[in-house]
Amino acid sequence: MPPETAIAMRPIGVIRTPYAALEGMPIQPGGARESLGQVVLDPELAPALADVTGFSHVYLLYCFHQSAGYKTTVTPYLDDTPRGLFATRAPKRPNPIGLSVVEVVSVEGNVLTVRGADMLDGTPLIDIKPYAPAFDAPAGPVRSGWLEGRGQTVGDTRSDDRFVGPD
């Protein structure tokens, strides 16, 4: 393993959503298709939102700020079988980084309004990147591992207490 490298990041804004508590939240953007959120950037970063409305969707990278600890094996939502952590999107991770693809609704100043917000209100934002199918959609067959055939239930699945609190 290479020697540890210090990584310095700071939040560039905050994500505002209707979800004040972890329990009962949607577990993925697919469960929050109509949920509006606001990405409030630090004011000096407002110019960085130029041209974002030319994209239908963006990736939001954020910190699971209410997550503490992790296990290498978890029982994920949509399943009742323990799985390797990196074969899941469980929020309790060695580096608690979240990723969601959301629809761009509008930009006003330093505020990006999005649809499909599945984050906890007050989530620290790390970065925004445009979704570009030519870059992001893999060519050829795609496998979904243990998730195969389970995606249709994501819209009805909500979080529970399995990823709340430290381990």
Protein backbone atom coordinates (compact mmCIF):
# COMPACT_ATOMS: atom_id res chain seq x y z
CA MET A 1 0.00 0.00 0.00
CA PRO A 2 1.41 3.45 -0.88
CA PRO A 3 2.20 5.84 1.96
CA GLU A 4 -0.70 7.96 3.12
CA THR A 5 -1.19 11.14 1.17
CA ALA A 6 -2.86 14.09 2.82
CA ILE A 7 -5.91 15.20 0.89
CA ALA A 8 -7.19 18.66 1.59
CA MET A 9 -10.75 19.39 0.56
CA ARG A 10 -13.26 21.88 1.76
CA PRO A 11 -16.98 22.07 1.13
CA ILE A 12 -17.82 24.46 -1.70
CA GLY A 13 -21.42 24.86 -0.60
CA VAL A 14 -24.35 23.14 1.03
CA ILE A 15 -27.23 21.08 -0.35
CA ARG A 16 -30.71 22.04 0.89
CA THR A 17 -33.40 19.36 0.66
CA PRO A 18 -36.73 18.48 2.27
CA TYR A 19 -35.08 15.68 4.30
CA ALA A 20 -34.26 16.76 7.86
CA ALA A 21 -33.74 13.24 9.24
CA LEU A 22 -31.89 10.21 7.93
CA GLU A 23 -34.68 7.77 8.65
CA GLY A 24 -37.34 7.73 5.95
CA MET A 25 -35.23 9.44 3.26
CA PRO A 26 -35.12 8.13 -0.30
CA ILE A 27 -32.09 5.89 -0.77
CA GLN A 28 -31.14 7.05 -4.29
CA PRO A 29 -32.19 9.80 -6.72
CA GLY A 30 -34.58 7.23 -8.25
CA GLY A 31 -36.55 7.38 -5.02
CA ALA A 32 -36.61 11.17 -5.10
CA ARG A 33 -37.45 11.81 -8.76
CA GLU A 34 -39.71 14.78 -8.01
CA SER A 35 -37.84 16.00 -4.94
CA LEU A 36 -36.44 19.51 -5.46
CA GLY A 37 -33.24 20.62 -3.81
CA GLN A 38 -31.03 23.66 -3.88
CA VAL A 39 -27.28 23.55 -4.16
CA VAL A 40 -26.10 26.76 -2.52
CA LEU A 41 -22.52 27.45 -3.54
CA ASP A 42 -20.14 29.77 -1.77
CA PRO A 43 -20.90 33.18 -3.39
CA GLU A 44 -17.42 33.53 -4.92
CA LEU A 45 -18.07 30.32 -6.91
CA ALA A 46 -21.24 31.62 -8.61
CA PRO A 47 -19.36 32.21 -11.91
CA ALA A 48 -18.50 28.48 -11.96
CA LEU A 49 -22.19 27.74 -12.62
CA ALA A 50 -22.01 29.42 -16.05
CA ASP A 51 -23.18 27.05 -18.79
CA VAL A 52 -24.49 24.39 -16.35
CA THR A 53 -28.04 24.88 -17.65
CA GLY A 54 -26.86 23.54 -21.01
CA PHE A 55 -26.75 20.11 -19.35
CA SER A 56 -29.86 18.17 -18.38
CA HIS A 57 -28.12 16.47 -15.44
CA VAL A 58 -25.10 16.90 -13.19
CA TYR A 59 -23.27 14.75 -10.69
CA LEU A 60 -23.22 16.06 -7.14
CA LEU A 61 -20.35 14.81 -5.00
CA TYR A 62 -20.87 15.36 -1.31
CA CYS A 63 -19.93 14.26 2.16
CA PHE A 64 -22.14 11.91 4.16
CA HIS A 65 -21.69 14.26 7.11
CA GLN A 66 -23.93 12.26 9.46
CA SER A 67 -22.08 9.02 8.76
CA ALA A 68 -19.59 7.58 11.23
CA GLY A 69 -17.59 4.39 10.99
CA TYR A 70 -18.02 1.59 8.50
CA LYS A 71 -18.04 -2.16 8.12
CA THR A 72 -16.49 -4.05 5.21
CA THR A 73 -19.68 -6.13 4.88
CA VAL A 74 -23.15 -4.58 5.00
CA THR A 75 -26.71 -5.61 4.32
CA PRO A 76 -27.78 -2.98 1.80
CA TYR A 77 -31.19 -1.55 1.09
CA LEU A 78 -33.03 -3.60 -1.57
CA ASP A 79 -31.46 -6.81 -0.24
CA ASP A 80 -31.31 -9.04 2.81
CA THR A 81 -27.95 -10.65 2.06
CA PRO A 82 -24.68 -9.24 3.46
CA ARG A 83 -22.53 -7.76 0.67
CA GLY A 84 -19.04 -6.31 0.37
CA LEU A 85 -19.17 -2.59 1.14
CA PHE A 86 -17.74 -1.59 -2.24
CA ALA A 87 -20.49 -3.56 -4.03
CA THR A 88 -23.04 -1.25 -2.37
CA ARG A 89 -23.85 2.43 -2.08
CA ALA A 90 -24.07 2.31 1.71
CA PRO A 91 -23.28 5.73 3.24
CA LYS A 92 -20.97 4.40 5.97
CA ARG A 93 -17.64 4.21 4.12
CA PRO A 94 -13.93 4.69 4.85
CA ASN A 95 -14.26 8.03 3.02
CA PRO A 96 -17.93 9.01 3.35
CA ILE A 97 -18.35 10.45 -0.14
CA GLY A 98 -21.76 10.44 -1.81
CA LEU A 99 -22.57 10.69 -5.51
CA SER A 100 -25.94 11.47 -7.09
CA VAL A 101 -27.02 12.27 -10.64
CA VAL A 102 -29.65 15.00 -10.47
CA GLU A 103 -31.63 16.95 -13.05
CA VAL A 104 -30.72 20.60 -13.56
CA VAL A 105 -33.80 22.82 -13.09
CA SER A 106 -32.31 26.32 -12.94
CA VAL A 107 -29.43 28.53 -11.87
CA GLU A 108 -29.85 31.86 -10.13
CA GLY A 109 -26.67 33.49 -8.86
CA ASN A 110 -24.92 30.98 -6.63
CA VAL A 111 -27.96 28.65 -6.34
CA LEU A 112 -28.44 25.60 -8.53
CA THR A 113 -31.94 24.10 -8.25
CA VAL A 114 -32.08 20.37 -8.97
CA ARG A 115 -34.66 17.59 -9.16
CA GLY A 116 -33.94 14.16 -7.72
CA ALA A 117 -32.31 15.40 -4.50
CA ASP A 118 -31.90 12.40 -2.20
CA MET A 119 -29.51 13.95 0.33
CA LEU A 120 -29.96 15.02 3.91
CA ASP A 121 -30.65 18.74 4.31
CA GLY A 122 -27.41 20.58 5.09
CA THR A 123 -25.18 18.10 3.25
CA PRO A 124 -21.74 19.59 2.49
CA LEU A 125 -21.08 19.78 -1.26
CA ILE A 126 -17.64 18.73 -2.54
CA ASP A 127 -18.04 19.19 -6.31
CA ILE A 128 -20.39 19.40 -9.30
CA LYS A 129 -19.65 17.73 -12.63
CA PRO A 130 -21.78 17.61 -15.78
CA TYR A 131 -23.32 14.31 -16.78
CA ALA A 132 -22.23 13.59 -20.36
CA PRO A 133 -23.56 10.34 -21.87
CA ALA A 134 -20.71 10.20 -24.39
CA PHE A 135 -18.25 10.12 -21.46
CA ASP A 136 -20.30 8.40 -18.77
CA ALA A 137 -22.51 5.75 -20.40
CA PRO A 138 -20.44 2.58 -20.93
CA ALA A 139 -20.52 0.97 -24.34
CA GLY A 140 -21.60 -2.63 -24.62
CA PRO A 141 -23.28 -4.83 -22.05
CA VAL A 142 -23.53 -3.53 -18.50
CA ARG A 143 -23.88 -5.78 -15.44
CA SER A 144 -25.60 -4.72 -12.23
CA GLY A 145 -24.39 -7.54 -9.99
CA TRP A 146 -26.71 -8.35 -7.10
CA LEU A 147 -28.85 -5.29 -7.99
CA GLU A 148 -30.04 -6.93 -11.22
CA GLY A 149 -33.84 -6.80 -11.27
CA ARG A 150 -34.12 -4.81 -8.04
CA GLY A 151 -34.09 -1.28 -9.48
CA GLN A 152 -37.86 -1.14 -9.89
CA THR A 153 -38.31 -0.97 -6.10
CA VAL A 154 -35.90 1.92 -5.47
CA GLY A 155 -38.68 4.49 -5.80
CA ASP A 156 -40.56 2.98 -2.87
CA THR A 157 -37.59 2.16 -0.63
CA ARG A 158 -36.71 4.51 2.22
CA SER A 159 -33.80 4.55 4.60
CA ASP A 160 -34.07 3.01 8.02
CA ASP A 161 -31.73 2.89 11.00
CA ARG A 162 -29.19 0.42 9.56
CA PHE A 163 -26.72 3.20 8.64
CA VAL A 164 -27.48 5.64 11.46
CA GLY A 165 -25.02 6.19 14.29
CA PRO A 166 -21.46 4.98 14.81
CA ASP A 167 -20.51 1.31 14.74
